[in-house]
PDB file of N, CA and C in Angstrom:
ATOM      1  N   MET A   1     -68.144  14.298  -6.376  1.00  0.00           N
ATOM      2  CA  MET A   1     -68.558  15.151  -4.971  1.00  0.00           C
ATOM      3  C   MET A   1     -68.719  16.651  -5.450  1.00  0.00           C
ATOM      4  N   VAL A   2     -68.033  17.100  -6.412  1.00  0.00           N
ATOM      5  CA  VAL A   2     -68.126  18.448  -6.538  1.00  0.00           C
ATOM      6  C   VAL A   2     -69.586  18.617  -6.940  1.00  0.00           C
ATOM      7  N   ASP A   3     -70.024  17.791  -8.097  1.00  0.00           N
ATOM      8  CA  ASP A   3     -71.657  18.081  -8.777  1.00  0.00           C
ATOM      9  C   ASP A   3     -72.745  18.098  -7.536  1.00  0.00           C
ATOM     10  N   ILE A   4     -72.696  17.119  -6.471  1.00  0.00           N
ATOM     11  CA  ILE A   4     -73.404  17.032  -5.486  1.00  0.00           C
ATOM     12  C   ILE A   4     -73.304  18.212  -4.679  1.00  0.00           C
ATOM     13  N   LEU A   5     -72.206  18.645  -4.228  1.00  0.00           N
ATOM     14  CA  LEU A   5     -71.839  19.819  -3.347  1.00  0.00           C
ATOM     15  C   LEU A   5     -72.303  21.190  -4.173  1.00  0.00           C
ATOM     16  N   GLN A   6     -72.156  21.110  -5.472  1.00  0.00           N
ATOM     17  CA  GLN A   6     -72.833  22.456  -6.153  1.00  0.00           C
ATOM     18  C   GLN A   6     -74.405  22.486  -5.881  1.00  0.00           C
ATOM     19  N   ARG A   7     -74.989  21.423  -5.999  1.00  0.00           N
ATOM     20  CA  ARG A   7     -76.268  21.257  -6.169  1.00  0.00           C
ATOM     21  C   ARG A   7     -76.871  21.542  -4.498  1.00  0.00           C
ATOM     22  N   ILE A   8     -76.284  21.160  -3.637  1.00  0.00           N
ATOM     23  CA  ILE A   8     -76.505  21.369  -2.142  1.00  0.00           C
ATOM     24  C   ILE A   8     -76.191  22.913  -1.944  1.00  0.00           C
ATOM     25  N   LYS A   9     -75.083  23.492  -2.551  1.00  0.00           N
ATOM     26  CA  LYS A   9     -74.827  24.885  -2.181  1.00  0.00           C
ATOM     27  C   LYS A   9     -76.151  25.805  -2.735  1.00  0.00           C
ATOM     28  N   GLU A  10     -76.673  25.355  -4.005  1.00  0.00           N
ATOM     29  CA  GLU A  10     -77.753  25.863  -4.750  1.00  0.00           C
ATOM     30  C   GLU A  10     -79.041  26.011  -4.019  1.00  0.00           C
ATOM     31  N   GLY A  11     -79.091  24.604  -3.174  1.00  0.00           N
ATOM     32  CA  GLY A  11     -80.398  24.216  -2.757  1.00  0.00           C
ATOM     33  C   GLY A  11     -81.124  23.066  -3.584  1.00  0.00           C
ATOM     34  N   ASN A  12     -80.798  23.190  -4.420  1.00  0.00           N
ATOM     35  CA  ASN A  12     -81.369  22.076  -5.672  1.00  0.00           C
ATOM     36  C   ASN A  12     -80.900  20.753  -5.570  1.00  0.00           C
ATOM     37  N   ALA A  13     -81.261  20.084  -4.271  1.00  0.00           N
ATOM     38  CA  ALA A  13     -80.601  18.760  -4.029  1.00  0.00           C
ATOM     39  C   ALA A  13     -81.893  18.129  -3.330  1.00  0.00           C
ATOM     40  N   ASP A  14     -81.575  17.132  -3.125  1.00  0.00           N
ATOM     41  CA  ASP A  14     -82.522  16.208  -2.115  1.00  0.00           C
ATOM     42  C   ASP A  14     -81.817  15.551  -0.963  1.00  0.00           C
ATOM     43  N   PHE A  15     -82.411  15.440   0.149  1.00  0.00           N
ATOM     44  CA  PHE A  15     -81.778  15.285   1.242  1.00  0.00           C
ATOM     45  C   PHE A  15     -80.821  13.944   1.362  1.00  0.00           C
ATOM     46  N   ALA A  16     -81.286  12.916   0.673  1.00  0.00           N
ATOM     47  CA  ALA A  16     -80.399  11.576   0.351  1.00  0.00           C
ATOM     48  C   ALA A  16     -79.137  11.921  -0.147  1.00  0.00           C
ATOM     49  N   GLU A  17     -79.118  13.052  -0.837  1.00  0.00           N
ATOM     50  CA  GLU A  17     -77.772  13.378  -1.377  1.00  0.00           C
ATOM     51  C   GLU A  17     -76.810  13.797  -0.305  1.00  0.00           C
ATOM     52  N   ILE A  18     -77.238  14.240   0.742  1.00  0.00           N
ATOM     53  CA  ILE A  18     -76.063  14.458   1.731  1.00  0.00           C
ATOM     54  C   ILE A  18     -75.533  13.129   2.221  1.00  0.00           C
ATOM     55  N   ASP A  19     -76.383  12.134   2.584  1.00  0.00           N
ATOM     56  CA  ASP A  19     -75.991  10.794   2.867  1.00  0.00           C
ATOM     57  C   ASP A  19     -75.208   9.972   1.814  1.00  0.00           C
ATOM     58  N   MET A  20     -75.393  10.525   0.625  1.00  0.00           N
ATOM     59  CA  MET A  20     -74.777   9.640  -0.344  1.00  0.00           C
ATOM     60  C   MET A  20     -73.309  10.460  -0.778  1.00  0.00           C
ATOM     61  N   LEU A  21     -73.237  11.769  -0.344  1.00  0.00           N
ATOM     62  CA  LEU A  21     -72.162  12.375  -0.233  1.00  0.00           C
ATOM     63  C   LEU A  21     -71.297  12.167   0.600  1.00  0.00           C
ATOM     64  N   GLU A  22     -71.637  11.912   1.845  1.00  0.00           N
ATOM     65  CA  GLU A  22     -71.011  11.109   2.973  1.00  0.00           C
ATOM     66  C   GLU A  22     -70.272   9.920   2.562  1.00  0.00           C
ATOM     67  N   GLU A  23     -71.109   8.985   2.040  1.00  0.00           N
ATOM     68  CA  GLU A  23     -70.929   7.743   1.782  1.00  0.00           C
ATOM     69  C   GLU A  23     -69.815   7.509   0.777  1.00  0.00           C
ATOM     70  N   LEU A  24     -70.012   8.500  -0.117  1.00  0.00           N
ATOM     71  CA  LEU A  24     -68.784   8.491  -1.151  1.00  0.00           C
ATOM     72  C   LEU A  24     -67.449   9.031  -0.414  1.00  0.00           C
ATOM     73  N   SER A  25     -67.561   9.887   0.333  1.00  0.00           N
ATOM     74  CA  SER A  25     -66.437  10.620   1.019  1.00  0.00           C
ATOM     75  C   SER A  25     -65.799   9.302   1.890  1.00  0.00           C
ATOM     76  N   PHE A  26     -66.304   8.422   2.482  1.00  0.00           N
ATOM     77  CA  PHE A  26     -66.065   7.389   3.164  1.00  0.00           C
ATOM     78  C   PHE A  26     -65.348   6.168   2.285  1.00  0.00           C
ATOM     79  N   GLN A  27     -65.947   6.095   1.220  1.00  0.00           N
ATOM     80  CA  GLN A  27     -65.389   5.204   0.070  1.00  0.00           C
ATOM     81  C   GLN A  27     -64.166   5.642  -0.478  1.00  0.00           C
ATOM     82  N   ILE A  28     -63.824   6.835  -0.331  1.00  0.00           N
ATOM     83  CA  ILE A  28     -62.575   7.212  -0.978  1.00  0.00           C
ATOM     84  C   ILE A  28     -61.596   7.515   0.111  1.00  0.00           C
ATOM     85  N   GLU A  29     -61.803   7.779   1.100  1.00  0.00           N
ATOM     86  CA  GLU A  29     -60.722   7.865   2.574  1.00  0.00           C
ATOM     87  C   GLU A  29     -60.299   6.629   2.661  1.00  0.00           C
ATOM     88  N   GLY A  30     -59.186   6.569   2.443  1.00  0.00           N
ATOM     89  CA  GLY A  30     -58.166   5.400   2.906  1.00  0.00           C
ATOM     90  C   GLY A  30     -58.063   4.360   1.764  1.00  0.00           C
ATOM     91  N   HIS A  31     -58.756   4.561   0.627  1.00  0.00           N
ATOM     92  CA  HIS A  31     -58.628   3.601  -0.283  1.00  0.00           C
ATOM     93  C   HIS A  31     -58.271   4.114  -1.592  1.00  0.00           C
ATOM     94  N   THR A  32     -56.857   4.795  -1.546  1.00  0.00           N
ATOM     95  CA  THR A  32     -56.236   5.324  -2.585  1.00  0.00           C
ATOM     96  C   THR A  32     -54.908   5.469  -1.895  1.00  0.00           C
ATOM     97  N   ILE A  33     -53.881   5.395  -3.107  1.00  0.00           N
ATOM     98  CA  ILE A  33     -52.338   5.446  -2.786  1.00  0.00           C
ATOM     99  C   ILE A  33     -52.199   6.920  -2.751  1.00  0.00           C
ATOM    100  N   CYS A  34     -52.895   7.816  -3.212  1.00  0.00           N
ATOM    101  CA  CYS A  34     -52.594   9.178  -3.401  1.00  0.00           C
ATOM    102  C   CYS A  34     -53.323   9.845  -1.958  1.00  0.00           C
ATOM    103  N   ALA A  35     -52.473  10.593  -1.410  1.00  0.00           N
ATOM    104  CA  ALA A  35     -52.959  11.436  -0.415  1.00  0.00           C
ATOM    105  C   ALA A  35     -53.824  12.367  -0.895  1.00  0.00           C
ATOM    106  N   LEU A  36     -54.191  12.720  -1.937  1.00  0.00           N
ATOM    107  CA  LEU A  36     -55.325  13.713  -2.395  1.00  0.00           C
ATOM    108  C   LEU A  36     -56.710  13.314  -2.286  1.00  0.00           C
ATOM    109  N   GLY A  37     -56.896  11.842  -2.040  1.00  0.00           N
ATOM    110  CA  GLY A  37     -58.013  11.262  -1.938  1.00  0.00           C
ATOM    111  C   GLY A  37     -58.237  11.615  -0.568  1.00  0.00           C
ATOM    112  N   ASP A  38     -57.728  11.111   0.454  1.00  0.00           N
ATOM    113  CA  ASP A  38     -58.017  11.643   1.855  1.00  0.00           C
ATOM    114  C   ASP A  38     -58.264  13.154   2.042  1.00  0.00           C
ATOM    115  N   ALA A  39     -57.255  13.945   1.178  1.00  0.00           N
ATOM    116  CA  ALA A  39     -57.595  15.601   1.312  1.00  0.00           C
ATOM    117  C   ALA A  39     -58.696  15.883   0.874  1.00  0.00           C
ATOM    118  N   ALA A  40     -59.575  15.286   0.072  1.00  0.00           N
ATOM    119  CA  ALA A  40     -60.179  15.771  -0.805  1.00  0.00           C
ATOM    120  C   ALA A  40     -61.882  15.088   0.197  1.00  0.00           C
ATOM    121  N   ALA A  41     -61.623  14.199   0.820  1.00  0.00           N
ATOM    122  CA  ALA A  41     -62.694  13.579   1.561  1.00  0.00           C
ATOM    123  C   ALA A  41     -63.064  13.996   2.985  1.00  0.00           C
ATOM    124  N   TRP A  42     -61.811  14.534   3.672  1.00  0.00           N
ATOM    125  CA  TRP A  42     -62.171  14.962   4.986  1.00  0.00           C
ATOM    126  C   TRP A  42     -62.864  16.473   5.156  1.00  0.00           C
ATOM    127  N   PRO A  43     -62.431  17.125   4.352  1.00  0.00           N
ATOM    128  CA  PRO A  43     -63.573  18.429   4.351  1.00  0.00           C
ATOM    129  C   PRO A  43     -64.774  18.283   4.191  1.00  0.00           C
ATOM    130  N   VAL A  44     -65.309  17.310   3.313  1.00  0.00           N
ATOM    131  CA  VAL A  44     -66.515  17.365   2.953  1.00  0.00           C
ATOM    132  C   VAL A  44     -67.301  16.221   4.130  1.00  0.00           C
ATOM    133  N   GLN A  45     -66.533  15.499   5.039  1.00  0.00           N
ATOM    134  CA  GLN A  45     -67.118  14.947   6.060  1.00  0.00           C
ATOM    135  C   GLN A  45     -67.180  15.843   7.293  1.00  0.00           C
ATOM    136  N   GLY A  46     -66.603  16.951   7.270  1.00  0.00           N
ATOM    137  CA  GLY A  46     -66.045  17.723   8.264  1.00  0.00           C
ATOM    138  C   GLY A  46     -67.653  18.827   8.066  1.00  0.00           C
ATOM    139  N   LEU A  47     -67.697  19.062   6.873  1.00  0.00           N
ATOM    140  CA  LEU A  47     -68.819  20.005   6.397  1.00  0.00           C
ATOM    141  C   LEU A  47     -70.162  19.180   6.661  1.00  0.00           C
ATOM    142  N   ILE A  48     -70.441  17.946   6.602  1.00  0.00           N
ATOM    143  CA  ILE A  48     -71.664  17.249   6.871  1.00  0.00           C
ATOM    144  C   ILE A  48     -71.685  16.999   8.355  1.00  0.00           C
ATOM    145  N   ARG A  49     -70.768  16.761   9.037  1.00  0.00           N
ATOM    146  CA  ARG A  49     -70.651  16.754  10.612  1.00  0.00           C
ATOM    147  C   ARG A  49     -70.877  17.789  11.285  1.00  0.00           C
ATOM    148  N   HIS A  50     -70.457  19.068  10.842  1.00  0.00           N
ATOM    149  CA  HIS A  50     -70.880  20.347  11.536  1.00  0.00           C
ATOM    150  C   HIS A  50     -71.784  21.316  10.947  1.00  0.00           C
ATOM    151  N   PHE A  51     -72.350  20.948   9.695  1.00  0.00           N
ATOM    152  CA  PHE A  51     -73.229  22.063   9.132  1.00  0.00           C
ATOM    153  C   PHE A  51     -74.352  21.321   8.298  1.00  0.00           C
ATOM    154  N   ARG A  52     -74.888  20.073   9.009  1.00  0.00           N
ATOM    155  CA  ARG A  52     -75.757  19.177   8.202  1.00  0.00           C
ATOM    156  C   ARG A  52     -76.894  19.949   8.359  1.00  0.00           C
ATOM    157  N   ASP A  53     -77.232  20.547   9.321  1.00  0.00           N
ATOM    158  CA  ASP A  53     -78.470  21.267   9.536  1.00  0.00           C
ATOM    159  C   ASP A  53     -78.740  22.432   8.630  1.00  0.00           C
ATOM    160  N   GLU A  54     -77.635  22.998   8.472  1.00  0.00           N
ATOM    161  CA  GLU A  54     -77.735  24.355   7.419  1.00  0.00           C
ATOM    162  C   GLU A  54     -77.817  23.810   6.273  1.00  0.00           C
ATOM    163  N   MET A  55     -77.357  22.790   5.610  1.00  0.00           N
ATOM    164  CA  MET A  55     -77.329  22.153   4.309  1.00  0.00           C
ATOM    165  C   MET A  55     -78.858  21.679   4.034  1.00  0.00           C
ATOM    166  N   GLU A  56     -79.335  21.161   5.158  1.00  0.00           N
ATOM    167  CA  GLU A  56     -80.861  20.879   4.944  1.00  0.00           C
ATOM    168  C   GLU A  56     -81.640  21.900   5.121  1.00  0.00           C
ATOM    169  N   ASP A  57     -81.464  23.116   5.728  1.00  0.00           N
ATOM    170  CA  ASP A  57     -82.332  24.160   5.719  1.00  0.00           C
ATOM    171  C   ASP A  57     -82.168  24.837   4.150  1.00  0.00           C
ATOM    172  N   ARG A  58     -81.059  24.890   3.844  1.00  0.00           N
ATOM    173  CA  ARG A  58     -80.953  25.366   2.400  1.00  0.00           C
ATOM    174  C   ARG A  58     -81.767  24.532   1.343  1.00  0.00           C
ATOM    175  N   ILE A  59     -81.828  23.373   1.461  1.00  0.00           N
ATOM    176  CA  ILE A  59     -82.654  22.620   0.665  1.00  0.00           C
ATOM    177  C   ILE A  59     -84.131  22.810   0.910  1.00  0.00           C
ATOM    178  N   ASP A  60     -84.560  22.893   2.204  1.00  0.00           N
ATOM    179  CA  ASP A  60     -85.752  23.476   2.554  1.00  0.00           C
ATOM    180  C   ASP A  60     -86.282  24.735   1.820  1.00  0.00           C
ATOM    181  N   THR A  61     -85.381  25.581   2.136  1.00  0.00           N
ATOM    182  CA  THR A  61     -85.536  27.104   1.234  1.00  0.00           C
ATOM    183  C   THR A  61     -85.704  26.850  -0.180  1.00  0.00           C
ATOM    184  N   TYR A  62     -85.184  26.226  -0.727  1.00  0.00           N
ATOM    185  CA  TYR A  62     -84.948  26.285  -1.897  1.00  0.00           C
ATOM    186  C   TYR A  62     -86.304  25.667  -2.608  1.00  0.00           C
ATOM    187  N   LYS A  63     -86.615  24.734  -2.007  1.00  0.00           N
ATOM    188  CA  LYS A  63     -87.824  23.805  -2.351  1.00  0.00           C
ATOM    189  C   LYS A  63     -89.186  24.693  -2.111  1.00  0.00           C
ATOM    190  N   ALA A  64     -88.980  25.540  -1.002  1.00  0.00           N
ATOM    191  CA  ALA A  64     -89.998  26.568  -0.843  1.00  0.00           C
ATOM    192  C   ALA A  64     -90.286  27.767  -1.754  1.00  0.00           C
ATOM    193  N   ALA A  65     -89.375  28.029  -2.048  1.00  0.00           N
ATOM    194  CA  ALA A  65     -89.039  29.074  -2.849  1.00  0.00           C
ATOM    195  C   ALA A  65     -89.433  28.588  -4.496  1.00  0.00           C
ATOM    196  N   HIS A  66     -89.188  27.412  -4.785  1.00  0.00           N
ATOM    197  CA  HIS A  66     -89.490  26.782  -6.321  1.00  0.00           C
ATOM    198  C   HIS A  66     -90.108  25.492  -6.127  1.00  0.00           C
ATOM    199  N   PRO A  67     -91.629  25.933  -5.493  1.00  0.00           N
ATOM    200  CA  PRO A  67     -92.533  24.545  -5.766  1.00  0.00           C
ATOM    201  C   PRO A  67     -92.608  23.753  -6.961  1.00  0.00           C
ATOM    202  N   GLU A  68     -92.474  24.503  -7.770  1.00  0.00           N
ATOM    203  CA  GLU A  68     -92.798  24.055  -9.168  1.00  0.00           C
ATOM    204  C   GLU A  68     -91.644  23.105  -9.864  1.00  0.00           C
ATOM    205  N   ILE A  69     -90.927  22.938  -9.449  1.00  0.00           N
ATOM    206  CA  ILE A  69     -89.286  22.342  -9.802  1.00  0.00           C
ATOM    207  C   ILE A  69     -89.566  21.136  -8.945  1.00  0.00           C
ATOM    208  N   ASN A  70     -89.580  20.024  -9.626  1.00  0.00           N
ATOM    209  CA  ASN A  70     -89.458  18.573  -9.368  1.00  0.00           C
ATOM    210  C   ASN A  70     -87.916  18.482  -8.792  1.00  0.00           C
ATOM    211  N   VAL A  71     -87.649  18.077  -7.680  1.00  0.00           N
ATOM    212  CA  VAL A  71     -86.279  17.511  -7.361  1.00  0.00           C
ATOM    213  C   VAL A  71     -85.951  16.435  -8.166  1.00  0.00           C
ATOM    214  N   ARG A  72     -84.813  16.470  -8.689  1.00  0.00           N
ATOM    215  CA  ARG A  72     -84.270  15.462  -9.610  1.00  0.00           C
ATOM    216  C   ARG A  72     -84.260  14.094  -8.912  1.00  0.00           C
ATOM    217  N   LYS A  73     -84.373  13.194  -9.464  1.00  0.00           N
ATOM    218  CA  LYS A  73     -84.175  11.827  -9.131  1.00  0.00           C
ATOM    219  C   LYS A  73     -82.636  11.434  -9.514  1.00  0.00           C
ATOM    220  N   PHE A  74     -81.856  11.012  -8.624  1.00  0.00           N
ATOM    221  CA  PHE A  74     -80.643  10.752  -8.833  1.00  0.00           C
ATOM    222  C   PHE A  74     -80.329   9.444  -8.929  1.00  0.00           C
ATOM    223  N   VAL A  75     -79.270   8.975  -9.500  1.00  0.00           N
ATOM    224  CA  VAL A  75     -78.944   7.444  -9.651  1.00  0.00           C
ATOM    225  C   VAL A  75     -77.664   7.018  -8.806  1.00  0.00           C
ATOM    226  N   SER A  76     -77.888   6.078  -8.079  1.00  0.00           N
ATOM    227  CA  SER A  76     -77.039   5.592  -7.323  1.00  0.00           C
ATOM    228  C   SER A  76     -75.792   5.106  -7.951  1.00  0.00           C
ATOM    229  N   TYR A  77     -74.526   5.446  -7.909  1.00  0.00           N
ATOM    230  CA  TYR A  77     -73.613   4.783  -8.669  1.00  0.00           C
ATOM    231  C   TYR A  77     -72.844   3.626  -8.055  1.00  0.00           C
TER     232      TYR A  77
END
């Protein structure tokens, strides 16, 4: 999740990575005996729920400023 969040923070991400990040957080939530799993998932879910438009704008801005960079093709785990 940290790697995806870092790419989104920079803007060097793909829109599909936002959905992948959200799905990953749902897979972690409630599926571990350690409370830290939920503690890691909930802030990510809240970030996406409340700031998805800003995340997408950051990606758009990065793509506009760096048209020569091909957005990485990510592999679904």
